[in-house]
């Protein structure tokens, strides 16, 4: 007859103990799609270069919703902290546009996120 051992470690719940991570704060699904529509309707131009962007992907230039102050830098996940930045993929499938450039700058050593 097999005996079951009692667990030696208690299960730890994160709920209520630690601040949520940026990925846990980030909006997703229908809420995100509704935000994309609201932001695009308010201003369908890239906040960086001023290029007109497409909501439905029919144009070559689409957009990404970008947080002005990054979530991991304490920025809120609100419409007021979001902007439209142009984004598309080149012939090799690499991300291009102002959103890709801003993200690369933020990740660069000595960039805004690393100061």
PDB file of N, CA and C in Angstrom:
ATOM      1  N   UNK A   1       0.839  -1.169   0.000  1.00  0.00           N
ATOM      2  CA  UNK A   1       0.000   0.000   0.000  1.00  0.00           C
ATOM      3  C   UNK A   1       0.895   1.247   0.000  1.00  0.00           C
ATOM      4  N   UNK A   2       0.584   2.201  -0.895  1.00  0.00           N
ATOM      5  CA  UNK A   2       1.344   3.442  -1.002  1.00  0.00           C
ATOM      6  C   UNK A   2       0.827   4.473  -0.007  1.00  0.00           C
ATOM      7  N   UNK A   3       1.764   5.195   0.566  1.00  0.00           N
ATOM      8  CA  UNK A   3       1.383   6.259   1.495  1.00  0.00           C
ATOM      9  C   UNK A   3       1.687   7.606   0.847  1.00  0.00           C
ATOM     10  N   UNK A   4       0.811   8.536   1.028  1.00  0.00           N
ATOM     11  CA  UNK A   4       1.011   9.880   0.498  1.00  0.00           C
ATOM     12  C   UNK A   4       1.685  10.738   1.555  1.00  0.00           C
ATOM     13  N   UNK A   5       2.753  11.388   1.149  1.00  0.00           N
ATOM     14  CA  UNK A   5       3.458  12.268   2.071  1.00  0.00           C
ATOM     15  C   UNK A   5       2.757  13.616   2.154  1.00  0.00           C
ATOM     16  N   UNK A   6       2.784  14.199   3.326  1.00  0.00           N
ATOM     17  CA  UNK A   6       2.213  15.525   3.502  1.00  0.00           C
ATOM     18  C   UNK A   6       3.156  16.542   2.863  1.00  0.00           C
ATOM     19  N   UNK A   7       2.596  17.579   2.274  1.00  0.00           N
ATOM     20  CA  UNK A   7       3.464  18.596   1.681  1.00  0.00           C
ATOM     21  C   UNK A   7       4.326  19.268   2.746  1.00  0.00           C
ATOM     22  N   UNK A   8       5.567  19.527   2.392  1.00  0.00           N
ATOM     23  CA  UNK A   8       6.499  20.136   3.342  1.00  0.00           C
ATOM     24  C   UNK A   8       6.490  21.662   3.272  1.00  0.00           C
ATOM     25  N   UNK A   9       6.125  22.179   2.118  1.00  0.00           N
ATOM     26  CA  UNK A   9       6.113  23.625   1.940  1.00  0.00           C
ATOM     27  C   UNK A   9       4.684  24.106   1.741  1.00  0.00           C
ATOM     28  N   UNK A  10       4.370  25.192   2.367  1.00  0.00           N
ATOM     29  CA  UNK A  10       3.043  25.772   2.179  1.00  0.00           C
ATOM     30  C   UNK A  10       3.011  26.506   0.844  1.00  0.00           C
ATOM     31  N   UNK A  11       1.883  26.494   0.183  1.00  0.00           N
ATOM     32  CA  UNK A  11       1.713  27.224  -1.059  1.00  0.00           C
ATOM     33  C   UNK A  11       1.621  28.705  -0.739  1.00  0.00           C
ATOM     34  N   UNK A  12       2.361  29.489  -1.475  1.00  0.00           N
ATOM     35  CA  UNK A  12       2.381  30.926  -1.235  1.00  0.00           C
ATOM     36  C   UNK A  12       1.549  31.610  -2.307  1.00  0.00           C
ATOM     37  N   UNK A  13       0.653  32.451  -1.887  1.00  0.00           N
ATOM     38  CA  UNK A  13      -0.162  33.224  -2.808  1.00  0.00           C
ATOM     39  C   UNK A  13       0.433  34.614  -2.935  1.00  0.00           C
ATOM     40  N   UNK A  14       0.519  35.112  -4.167  1.00  0.00           N
ATOM     41  CA  UNK A  14       1.040  36.466  -4.396  1.00  0.00           C
ATOM     42  C   UNK A  14      -0.008  37.521  -4.124  1.00  0.00           C
ATOM     43  N   UNK A  15      -1.271  37.134  -4.134  1.00  0.00           N
ATOM     44  CA  UNK A  15      -2.351  38.106  -4.006  1.00  0.00           C
ATOM     45  C   UNK A  15      -2.205  38.922  -2.729  1.00  0.00           C
ATOM     46  N   UNK A  16      -2.197  40.222  -2.895  1.00  0.00           N
ATOM     47  CA  UNK A  16      -2.144  41.122  -1.756  1.00  0.00           C
ATOM     48  C   UNK A  16      -0.773  41.296  -1.136  1.00  0.00           C
ATOM     49  N   UNK A  17       0.243  40.610  -1.630  1.00  0.00           N
ATOM     50  CA  UNK A  17       1.564  40.703  -1.018  1.00  0.00           C
ATOM     51  C   UNK A  17       2.508  41.610  -1.793  1.00  0.00           C
ATOM     52  N   UNK A  18       2.520  41.480  -3.103  1.00  0.00           N
ATOM     53  CA  UNK A  18       3.444  42.249  -3.924  1.00  0.00           C
ATOM     54  C   UNK A  18       2.664  43.140  -4.881  1.00  0.00           C
ATOM     55  N   UNK A  19       3.284  44.215  -5.279  1.00  0.00           N
ATOM     56  CA  UNK A  19       2.671  45.071  -6.293  1.00  0.00           C
ATOM     57  C   UNK A  19       2.604  44.294  -7.603  1.00  0.00           C
ATOM     58  N   UNK A  20       1.557  44.517  -8.393  1.00  0.00           N
ATOM     59  CA  UNK A  20       1.456  43.797  -9.662  1.00  0.00           C
ATOM     60  C   UNK A  20       2.592  44.175 -10.613  1.00  0.00           C
ATOM     61  N   UNK A  21       3.025  43.214 -11.395  1.00  0.00           N
ATOM     62  CA  UNK A  21       4.068  43.464 -12.383  1.00  0.00           C
ATOM     63  C   UNK A  21       3.461  44.260 -13.539  1.00  0.00           C
ATOM     64  N   UNK A  22       4.301  44.894 -14.379  1.00  0.00           N
ATOM     65  CA  UNK A  22       3.753  45.628 -15.522  1.00  0.00           C
ATOM     66  C   UNK A  22       2.881  44.758 -16.421  1.00  0.00           C
ATOM     67  N   UNK A  23       3.266  43.503 -16.633  1.00  0.00           N
ATOM     68  CA  UNK A  23       2.449  42.641 -17.484  1.00  0.00           C
ATOM     69  C   UNK A  23       1.112  42.312 -16.833  1.00  0.00           C
ATOM     70  N   UNK A  24       1.067  42.292 -15.507  1.00  0.00           N
ATOM     71  CA  UNK A  24      -0.198  42.068 -14.816  1.00  0.00           C
ATOM     72  C   UNK A  24      -1.065  43.327 -14.838  1.00  0.00           C
ATOM     73  N   UNK A  25      -0.441  44.495 -14.955  1.00  0.00           N
ATOM     74  CA  UNK A  25      -1.179  45.757 -15.024  1.00  0.00           C
ATOM     75  C   UNK A  25      -1.732  46.009 -16.420  1.00  0.00           C
ATOM     76  N   UNK A  26      -1.072  45.477 -17.416  1.00  0.00           N
ATOM     77  CA  UNK A  26      -1.374  45.798 -18.808  1.00  0.00           C
ATOM     78  C   UNK A  26      -2.757  45.309 -19.220  1.00  0.00           C
ATOM     79  N   UNK A  27      -3.463  46.169 -19.911  1.00  0.00           N
ATOM     80  CA  UNK A  27      -4.792  45.847 -20.415  1.00  0.00           C
ATOM     81  C   UNK A  27      -4.671  44.886 -21.603  1.00  0.00           C
ATOM     82  N   UNK A  28      -5.668  44.027 -21.783  1.00  0.00           N
ATOM     83  CA  UNK A  28      -5.646  43.082 -22.900  1.00  0.00           C
ATOM     84  C   UNK A  28      -7.069  42.839 -23.397  1.00  0.00           C
ATOM     85  N   UNK A  29      -7.183  42.084 -24.474  1.00  0.00           N
ATOM     86  CA  UNK A  29      -8.478  41.646 -24.979  1.00  0.00           C
ATOM     87  C   UNK A  29      -9.372  42.773 -25.472  1.00  0.00           C
ATOM     88  N   UNK A  30     -10.664  42.651 -25.175  1.00  0.00           N
ATOM     89  CA  UNK A  30     -11.645  43.627 -25.652  1.00  0.00           C
ATOM     90  C   UNK A  30     -11.381  45.025 -25.119  1.00  0.00           C
ATOM     91  N   UNK A  31     -10.927  45.111 -23.878  1.00  0.00           N
ATOM     92  CA  UNK A  31     -10.618  46.431 -23.315  1.00  0.00           C
ATOM     93  C   UNK A  31      -9.518  47.117 -24.116  1.00  0.00           C
ATOM     94  N   UNK A  32      -8.502  46.356 -24.493  1.00  0.00           N
ATOM     95  CA  UNK A  32      -7.408  46.930 -25.276  1.00  0.00           C
ATOM     96  C   UNK A  32      -7.911  47.360 -26.652  1.00  0.00           C
ATOM     97  N   UNK A  33      -8.738  46.531 -27.291  1.00  0.00           N
ATOM     98  CA  UNK A  33      -9.251  46.886 -28.612  1.00  0.00           C
ATOM     99  C   UNK A  33     -10.127  48.132 -28.542  1.00  0.00           C
ATOM    100  N   UNK A  34     -10.912  48.265 -27.468  1.00  0.00           N
ATOM    101  CA  UNK A  34     -11.731  49.467 -27.279  1.00  0.00           C
ATOM    102  C   UNK A  34     -10.829  50.689 -27.087  1.00  0.00           C
ATOM    103  N   UNK A  35      -9.738  50.532 -26.343  1.00  0.00           N
ATOM    104  CA  UNK A  35      -8.793  51.642 -26.154  1.00  0.00           C
ATOM    105  C   UNK A  35      -8.158  52.023 -27.480  1.00  0.00           C
ATOM    106  N   UNK A  36      -7.731  51.035 -28.263  1.00  0.00           N
ATOM    107  CA  UNK A  36      -7.136  51.319 -29.575  1.00  0.00           C
ATOM    108  C   UNK A  36      -8.089  52.162 -30.419  1.00  0.00           C
ATOM    109  N   UNK A  37      -9.357  51.780 -30.433  1.00  0.00           N
ATOM    110  CA  UNK A  37     -10.352  52.515 -31.213  1.00  0.00           C
ATOM    111  C   UNK A  37     -10.516  53.940 -30.682  1.00  0.00           C
ATOM    112  N   UNK A  38     -10.634  54.102 -29.364  1.00  0.00           N
ATOM    113  CA  UNK A  38     -10.792  55.438 -28.767  1.00  0.00           C
ATOM    114  C   UNK A  38      -9.609  56.344 -29.110  1.00  0.00           C
ATOM    115  N   UNK A  39      -8.398  55.823 -28.946  1.00  0.00           N
ATOM    116  CA  UNK A  39      -7.203  56.630 -29.209  1.00  0.00           C
ATOM    117  C   UNK A  39      -7.098  57.002 -30.683  1.00  0.00           C
ATOM    118  N   UNK A  40      -7.383  56.046 -31.562  1.00  0.00           N
ATOM    119  CA  UNK A  40      -7.301  56.296 -32.999  1.00  0.00           C
ATOM    120  C   UNK A  40      -8.368  57.294 -33.434  1.00  0.00           C
ATOM    121  N   UNK A  41      -9.590  57.177 -32.899  1.00  0.00           N
ATOM    122  CA  UNK A  41     -10.651  58.121 -33.251  1.00  0.00           C
ATOM    123  C   UNK A  41     -10.309  59.533 -32.769  1.00  0.00           C
ATOM    124  N   UNK A  42      -9.657  59.634 -31.619  1.00  0.00           N
ATOM    125  CA  UNK A  42      -9.276  60.946 -31.088  1.00  0.00           C
ATOM    126  C   UNK A  42      -8.181  61.592 -31.934  1.00  0.00           C
ATOM    127  N   UNK A  43      -7.251  60.778 -32.457  1.00  0.00           N
ATOM    128  CA  UNK A  43      -6.154  61.307 -33.266  1.00  0.00           C
ATOM    129  C   UNK A  43      -5.528  60.167 -34.064  1.00  0.00           C
ATOM    130  N   UNK A  44      -5.858  60.038 -35.363  1.00  0.00           N
ATOM    131  CA  UNK A  44      -5.339  58.920 -36.162  1.00  0.00           C
ATOM    132  C   UNK A  44      -3.940  59.148 -36.732  1.00  0.00           C
ATOM    133  N   UNK A  45      -3.153  60.013 -36.109  1.00  0.00           N
ATOM    134  CA  UNK A  45      -1.804  60.305 -36.583  1.00  0.00           C
ATOM    135  C   UNK A  45      -0.775  59.867 -35.547  1.00  0.00           C
ATOM    136  N   UNK A  46       0.373  59.417 -36.025  1.00  0.00           N
ATOM    137  CA  UNK A  46       1.471  59.027 -35.137  1.00  0.00           C
ATOM    138  C   UNK A  46       1.880  60.227 -34.287  1.00  0.00           C
ATOM    139  N   UNK A  47       1.981  60.025 -32.985  1.00  0.00           N
ATOM    140  CA  UNK A  47       2.348  61.104 -32.064  1.00  0.00           C
ATOM    141  C   UNK A  47       3.792  61.554 -32.263  1.00  0.00           C
ATOM    142  N   UNK A  48       4.607  60.742 -32.916  1.00  0.00           N
ATOM    143  CA  UNK A  48       6.021  61.073 -33.107  1.00  0.00           C
ATOM    144  C   UNK A  48       6.267  61.750 -34.459  1.00  0.00           C
ATOM    145  N   UNK A  49       5.877  61.108 -35.550  1.00  0.00           N
ATOM    146  CA  UNK A  49       6.202  61.624 -36.882  1.00  0.00           C
ATOM    147  C   UNK A  49       5.022  62.266 -37.605  1.00  0.00           C
ATOM    148  N   UNK A  50       3.808  62.102 -37.089  1.00  0.00           N
ATOM    149  CA  UNK A  50       2.640  62.723 -37.692  1.00  0.00           C
ATOM    150  C   UNK A  50       2.029  61.972 -38.859  1.00  0.00           C
ATOM    151  N   UNK A  51       2.510  60.774 -39.150  1.00  0.00           N
ATOM    152  CA  UNK A  51       1.981  59.993 -40.269  1.00  0.00           C
ATOM    153  C   UNK A  51       0.588  59.467 -39.944  1.00  0.00           C
ATOM    154  N   UNK A  52      -0.322  59.519 -40.937  1.00  0.00           N
ATOM    155  CA  UNK A  52      -1.656  58.953 -40.782  1.00  0.00           C
ATOM    156  C   UNK A  52      -1.530  57.437 -40.696  1.00  0.00           C
ATOM    157  N   UNK A  53      -2.177  56.829 -39.695  1.00  0.00           N
ATOM    158  CA  UNK A  53      -2.080  55.380 -39.503  1.00  0.00           C
ATOM    159  C   UNK A  53      -3.443  54.735 -39.695  1.00  0.00           C
ATOM    160  N   UNK A  54      -3.430  53.459 -40.004  1.00  0.00           N
ATOM    161  CA  UNK A  54      -4.644  52.698 -40.276  1.00  0.00           C
ATOM    162  C   UNK A  54      -5.071  51.906 -39.047  1.00  0.00           C
ATOM    163  N   UNK A  55      -6.359  51.912 -38.780  1.00  0.00           N
ATOM    164  CA  UNK A  55      -6.893  51.126 -37.670  1.00  0.00           C
ATOM    165  C   UNK A  55      -7.087  49.672 -38.071  1.00  0.00           C
ATOM    166  N   UNK A  56      -7.541  49.444 -39.294  1.00  0.00           N
ATOM    167  CA  UNK A  56      -7.956  48.105 -39.706  1.00  0.00           C
ATOM    168  C   UNK A  56      -6.903  47.303 -40.450  1.00  0.00           C
ATOM    169  N   UNK A  57      -5.726  47.847 -40.647  1.00  0.00           N
ATOM    170  CA  UNK A  57      -4.664  47.105 -41.317  1.00  0.00           C
ATOM    171  C   UNK A  57      -4.743  47.133 -42.826  1.00  0.00           C
ATOM    172  N   UNK A  58      -5.664  47.910 -43.401  1.00  0.00           N
ATOM    173  CA  UNK A  58      -5.770  47.980 -44.859  1.00  0.00           C
ATOM    174  C   UNK A  58      -4.633  48.791 -45.467  1.00  0.00           C
ATOM    175  N   UNK A  59      -4.088  49.679 -44.681  1.00  0.00           N
ATOM    176  CA  UNK A  59      -2.951  50.479 -45.120  1.00  0.00           C
ATOM    177  C   UNK A  59      -1.670  49.743 -44.730  1.00  0.00           C
ATOM    178  N   UNK A  60      -0.574  50.109 -45.376  1.00  0.00           N
ATOM    179  CA  UNK A  60       0.711  49.485 -45.037  1.00  0.00           C
ATOM    180  C   UNK A  60       1.181  49.907 -43.650  1.00  0.00           C
ATOM    181  N   UNK A  61       0.706  51.066 -43.179  1.00  0.00           N
ATOM    182  CA  UNK A  61       1.160  51.586 -41.891  1.00  0.00           C
ATOM    183  C   UNK A  61       0.046  51.469 -40.862  1.00  0.00           C
ATOM    184  N   UNK A  62       0.287  50.622 -39.875  1.00  0.00           N
ATOM    185  CA  UNK A  62      -0.648  50.481 -38.768  1.00  0.00           C
ATOM    186  C   UNK A  62      -0.115  51.241 -37.573  1.00  0.00           C
ATOM    187  N   UNK A  63      -0.558  50.845 -36.377  1.00  0.00           N
ATOM    188  CA  UNK A  63      -0.067  51.529 -35.187  1.00  0.00           C
ATOM    189  C   UNK A  63      -0.065  50.605 -33.993  1.00  0.00           C
ATOM    190  N   UNK A  64       0.686  51.008 -32.993  1.00  0.00           N
ATOM    191  CA  UNK A  64       0.720  50.361 -31.687  1.00  0.00           C
ATOM    192  C   UNK A  64       0.322  51.401 -30.659  1.00  0.00           C
ATOM    193  N   UNK A  65      -0.379  50.949 -29.620  1.00  0.00           N
ATOM    194  CA  UNK A  65      -0.658  51.819 -28.486  1.00  0.00           C
ATOM    195  C   UNK A  65       0.592  51.806 -27.613  1.00  0.00           C
ATOM    196  N   UNK A  66       1.121  52.984 -27.349  1.00  0.00           N
ATOM    197  CA  UNK A  66       2.359  53.120 -26.587  1.00  0.00           C
ATOM    198  C   UNK A  66       2.086  53.866 -25.292  1.00  0.00           C
ATOM    199  N   UNK A  67       2.713  53.423 -24.215  1.00  0.00           N
ATOM    200  CA  UNK A  67       2.620  54.136 -22.941  1.00  0.00           C
ATOM    201  C   UNK A  67       3.673  55.238 -22.925  1.00  0.00           C
ATOM    202  N   UNK A  68       3.241  56.473 -22.720  1.00  0.00           N
ATOM    203  CA  UNK A  68       4.155  57.609 -22.678  1.00  0.00           C
ATOM    204  C   UNK A  68       5.156  57.402 -21.543  1.00  0.00           C
ATOM    205  N   UNK A  69       4.646  57.132 -20.343  1.00  0.00           N
ATOM    206  CA  UNK A  69       5.491  56.747 -19.208  1.00  0.00           C
ATOM    207  C   UNK A  69       5.305  55.245 -19.041  1.00  0.00           C
ATOM    208  N   UNK A  70       6.376  54.499 -19.231  1.00  0.00           N
ATOM    209  CA  UNK A  70       6.292  53.036 -19.207  1.00  0.00           C
ATOM    210  C   UNK A  70       5.691  52.519 -17.906  1.00  0.00           C
ATOM    211  N   UNK A  71       4.995  51.389 -18.000  1.00  0.00           N
ATOM    212  CA  UNK A  71       4.395  50.780 -16.812  1.00  0.00           C
ATOM    213  C   UNK A  71       5.464  50.410 -15.793  1.00  0.00           C
ATOM    214  N   UNK A  72       6.600  49.894 -16.259  1.00  0.00           N
ATOM    215  CA  UNK A  72       7.649  49.503 -15.312  1.00  0.00           C
ATOM    216  C   UNK A  72       8.391  50.705 -14.722  1.00  0.00           C
ATOM    217  N   UNK A  73       8.075  51.898 -15.207  1.00  0.00           N
ATOM    218  CA  UNK A  73       8.622  53.131 -14.641  1.00  0.00           C
ATOM    219  C   UNK A  73       7.574  53.849 -13.788  1.00  0.00           C
ATOM    220  N   UNK A  74       6.455  53.155 -13.520  1.00  0.00           N
ATOM    221  CA  UNK A  74       5.416  53.715 -12.661  1.00  0.00           C
ATOM    222  C   UNK A  74       4.287  54.408 -13.390  1.00  0.00           C
ATOM    223  N   UNK A  75       4.282  54.358 -14.714  1.00  0.00           N
ATOM    224  CA  UNK A  75       3.207  54.991 -15.477  1.00  0.00           C
ATOM    225  C   UNK A  75       1.905  54.217 -15.341  1.00  0.00           C
ATOM    226  N   UNK A  76       0.769  54.915 -15.308  1.00  0.00           N
ATOM    227  CA  UNK A  76      -0.521  54.234 -15.193  1.00  0.00           C
ATOM    228  C   UNK A  76      -0.971  53.659 -16.536  1.00  0.00           C
ATOM    229  N   UNK A  77      -1.769  52.618 -16.497  1.00  0.00           N
ATOM    230  CA  UNK A  77      -2.320  52.025 -17.715  1.00  0.00           C
ATOM    231  C   UNK A  77      -3.665  52.695 -17.987  1.00  0.00           C
ATOM    232  N   UNK A  78      -3.602  53.961 -18.401  1.00  0.00           N
ATOM    233  CA  UNK A  78      -4.793  54.761 -18.676  1.00  0.00           C
ATOM    234  C   UNK A  78      -4.687  55.354 -20.076  1.00  0.00           C
ATOM    235  N   UNK A  79      -5.829  55.780 -20.621  1.00  0.00           N
ATOM    236  CA  UNK A  79      -5.825  56.419 -21.935  1.00  0.00           C
ATOM    237  C   UNK A  79      -4.948  57.670 -21.938  1.00  0.00           C
ATOM    238  N   UNK A  80      -4.936  58.402 -20.830  1.00  0.00           N
ATOM    239  CA  UNK A  80      -4.164  59.638 -20.757  1.00  0.00           C
ATOM    240  C   UNK A  80      -2.655  59.385 -20.842  1.00  0.00           C
ATOM    241  N   UNK A  81      -2.217  58.181 -20.506  1.00  0.00           N
ATOM    242  CA  UNK A  81      -0.798  57.835 -20.572  1.00  0.00           C
ATOM    243  C   UNK A  81      -0.472  57.046 -21.842  1.00  0.00           C
ATOM    244  N   UNK A  82      -1.385  57.034 -22.800  1.00  0.00           N
ATOM    245  CA  UNK A  82      -1.170  56.270 -24.033  1.00  0.00           C
ATOM    246  C   UNK A  82      -1.158  57.189 -25.241  1.00  0.00           C
ATOM    247  N   UNK A  83      -0.447  56.749 -26.261  1.00  0.00           N
ATOM    248  CA  UNK A  83      -0.387  57.488 -27.516  1.00  0.00           C
ATOM    249  C   UNK A  83      -0.329  56.503 -28.672  1.00  0.00           C
ATOM    250  N   UNK A  84      -0.675  56.979 -29.860  1.00  0.00           N
ATOM    251  CA  UNK A  84      -0.614  56.194 -31.086  1.00  0.00           C
ATOM    252  C   UNK A  84       0.765  56.406 -31.702  1.00  0.00           C
ATOM    253  N   UNK A  85       1.483  55.307 -31.974  1.00  0.00           N
ATOM    254  CA  UNK A  85       2.763  55.385 -32.680  1.00  0.00           C
ATOM    255  C   UNK A  85       2.710  54.457 -33.888  1.00  0.00           C
ATOM    256  N   UNK A  86       3.220  54.922 -35.025  1.00  0.00           N
ATOM    257  CA  UNK A  86       3.180  54.120 -36.249  1.00  0.00           C
ATOM    258  C   UNK A  86       4.012  52.846 -36.093  1.00  0.00           C
ATOM    259  N   UNK A  87       3.561  51.803 -36.782  1.00  0.00           N
ATOM    260  CA  UNK A  87       4.249  50.506 -36.724  1.00  0.00           C
ATOM    261  C   UNK A  87       3.908  49.711 -37.977  1.00  0.00           C
ATOM    262  N   UNK A  88       4.896  49.028 -38.514  1.00  0.00           N
ATOM    263  CA  UNK A  88       4.699  48.127 -39.639  1.00  0.00           C
ATOM    264  C   UNK A  88       5.839  47.133 -39.653  1.00  0.00           C
ATOM    265  N   UNK A  89       5.749  46.144 -40.521  1.00  0.00           N
ATOM    266  CA  UNK A  89       6.816  45.144 -40.659  1.00  0.00           C
ATOM    267  C   UNK A  89       7.456  45.297 -42.031  1.00  0.00           C
ATOM    268  N   UNK A  90       8.775  45.196 -42.057  1.00  0.00           N
ATOM    269  CA  UNK A  90       9.482  45.293 -43.329  1.00  0.00           C
ATOM    270  C   UNK A  90       9.392  43.968 -44.077  1.00  0.00           C
ATOM    271  N   UNK A  91      10.074  43.893 -45.221  1.00  0.00           N
ATOM    272  CA  UNK A  91       9.992  42.687 -46.059  1.00  0.00           C
ATOM    273  C   UNK A  91      10.530  41.443 -45.366  1.00  0.00           C
ATOM    274  N   UNK A  92      11.340  41.607 -44.341  1.00  0.00           N
ATOM    275  CA  UNK A  92      11.853  40.465 -43.572  1.00  0.00           C
ATOM    276  C   UNK A  92      11.010  40.170 -42.336  1.00  0.00           C
ATOM    277  N   UNK A  93       9.949  40.934 -42.139  1.00  0.00           N
ATOM    278  CA  UNK A  93       9.072  40.708 -40.999  1.00  0.00           C
ATOM    279  C   UNK A  93       9.504  41.401 -39.721  1.00  0.00           C
ATOM    280  N   UNK A  94      10.531  42.261 -39.811  1.00  0.00           N
ATOM    281  CA  UNK A  94      11.009  42.984 -38.626  1.00  0.00           C
ATOM    282  C   UNK A  94      10.141  44.205 -38.374  1.00  0.00           C
ATOM    283  N   UNK A  95       9.904  44.490 -37.100  1.00  0.00           N
ATOM    284  CA  UNK A  95       9.094  45.650 -36.733  1.00  0.00           C
ATOM    285  C   UNK A  95       9.842  46.930 -37.070  1.00  0.00           C
ATOM    286  N   UNK A  96       9.113  47.878 -37.639  1.00  0.00           N
ATOM    287  CA  UNK A  96       9.658  49.179 -38.023  1.00  0.00           C
ATOM    288  C   UNK A  96       8.710  50.270 -37.541  1.00  0.00           C
ATOM    289  N   UNK A  97       9.128  51.508 -37.647  1.00  0.00           N
ATOM    290  CA  UNK A  97       8.287  52.644 -37.305  1.00  0.00           C
ATOM    291  C   UNK A  97       8.677  53.268 -35.978  1.00  0.00           C
ATOM    292  N   UNK A  98       7.919  54.281 -35.595  1.00  0.00           N
ATOM    293  CA  UNK A  98       8.233  55.044 -34.383  1.00  0.00           C
ATOM    294  C   UNK A  98       8.106  54.208 -33.117  1.00  0.00           C
ATOM    295  N   UNK A  99       7.168  53.264 -33.082  1.00  0.00           N
ATOM    296  CA  UNK A  99       7.031  52.436 -31.882  1.00  0.00           C
ATOM    297  C   UNK A  99       8.274  51.567 -31.691  1.00  0.00           C
ATOM    298  N   UNK A 100       8.751  50.958 -32.767  1.00  0.00           N
ATOM    299  CA  UNK A 100       9.958  50.124 -32.679  1.00  0.00           C
ATOM    300  C   UNK A 100      11.167  50.971 -32.282  1.00  0.00           C
ATOM    301  N   UNK A 101      11.263  52.179 -32.831  1.00  0.00           N
ATOM    302  CA  UNK A 101      12.395  53.053 -32.506  1.00  0.00           C
ATOM    303  C   UNK A 101      12.353  53.486 -31.044  1.00  0.00           C
ATOM    304  N   UNK A 102      11.168  53.828 -30.542  1.00  0.00           N
ATOM    305  CA  UNK A 102      11.043  54.250 -29.141  1.00  0.00           C
ATOM    306  C   UNK A 102      11.382  53.091 -28.208  1.00  0.00           C
ATOM    307  N   UNK A 103      10.893  51.904 -28.529  1.00  0.00           N
ATOM    308  CA  UNK A 103      11.175  50.727 -27.709  1.00  0.00           C
ATOM    309  C   UNK A 103      12.673  50.430 -27.689  1.00  0.00           C
ATOM    310  N   UNK A 104      13.320  50.499 -28.853  1.00  0.00           N
ATOM    311  CA  UNK A 104      14.767  50.253 -28.921  1.00  0.00           C
ATOM    312  C   UNK A 104      15.534  51.283 -28.100  1.00  0.00           C
ATOM    313  N   UNK A 105      15.119  52.541 -28.164  1.00  0.00           N
ATOM    314  CA  UNK A 105      15.785  53.602 -27.396  1.00  0.00           C
ATOM    315  C   UNK A 105      15.624  53.363 -25.899  1.00  0.00           C
ATOM    316  N   UNK A 106      14.436  52.945 -25.484  1.00  0.00           N
ATOM    317  CA  UNK A 106      14.190  52.694 -24.063  1.00  0.00           C
ATOM    318  C   UNK A 106      14.997  51.508 -23.542  1.00  0.00           C
ATOM    319  N   UNK A 107      15.260  50.545 -24.403  1.00  0.00           N
ATOM    320  CA  UNK A 107      16.009  49.349 -23.993  1.00  0.00           C
ATOM    321  C   UNK A 107      17.519  49.527 -24.076  1.00  0.00           C
ATOM    322  N   UNK A 108      17.960  50.558 -24.769  1.00  0.00           N
ATOM    323  CA  UNK A 108      19.390  50.805 -24.954  1.00  0.00           C
ATOM    324  C   UNK A 108      20.037  51.143 -23.613  1.00  0.00           C
ATOM    325  N   UNK A 109      21.227  50.605 -23.330  1.00  0.00           N
ATOM    326  CA  UNK A 109      21.925  50.986 -22.096  1.00  0.00           C
ATOM    327  C   UNK A 109      22.114  52.501 -22.054  1.00  0.00           C
ATOM    328  N   UNK A 110      21.717  53.099 -20.956  1.00  0.00           N
ATOM    329  CA  UNK A 110      21.778  54.551 -20.834  1.00  0.00           C
ATOM    330  C   UNK A 110      20.559  55.242 -21.400  1.00  0.00           C
ATOM    331  N   UNK A 111      19.611  54.446 -21.953  1.00  0.00           N
ATOM    332  CA  UNK A 111      18.379  55.012 -22.486  1.00  0.00           C
ATOM    333  C   UNK A 111      17.472  55.491 -21.365  1.00  0.00           C
ATOM    334  N   UNK A 112      16.324  56.075 -21.711  1.00  0.00           N
ATOM    335  CA  UNK A 112      15.427  56.649 -20.708  1.00  0.00           C
ATOM    336  C   UNK A 112      15.027  55.686 -19.594  1.00  0.00           C
ATOM    337  N   UNK A 113      14.876  54.417 -19.907  1.00  0.00           N
ATOM    338  CA  UNK A 113      14.445  53.448 -18.886  1.00  0.00           C
ATOM    339  C   UNK A 113      15.590  53.016 -17.981  1.00  0.00           C
ATOM    340  N   UNK A 114      16.816  53.273 -18.400  1.00  0.00           N
ATOM    341  CA  UNK A 114      17.979  52.780 -17.655  1.00  0.00           C
ATOM    342  C   UNK A 114      18.755  53.885 -16.943  1.00  0.00           C
ATOM    343  N   UNK A 115      18.138  55.026 -16.784  1.00  0.00           N
ATOM    344  CA  UNK A 115      18.825  56.143 -16.113  1.00  0.00           C
ATOM    345  C   UNK A 115      18.508  56.153 -14.651  1.00  0.00           C
TER     346      UNK A 115
END
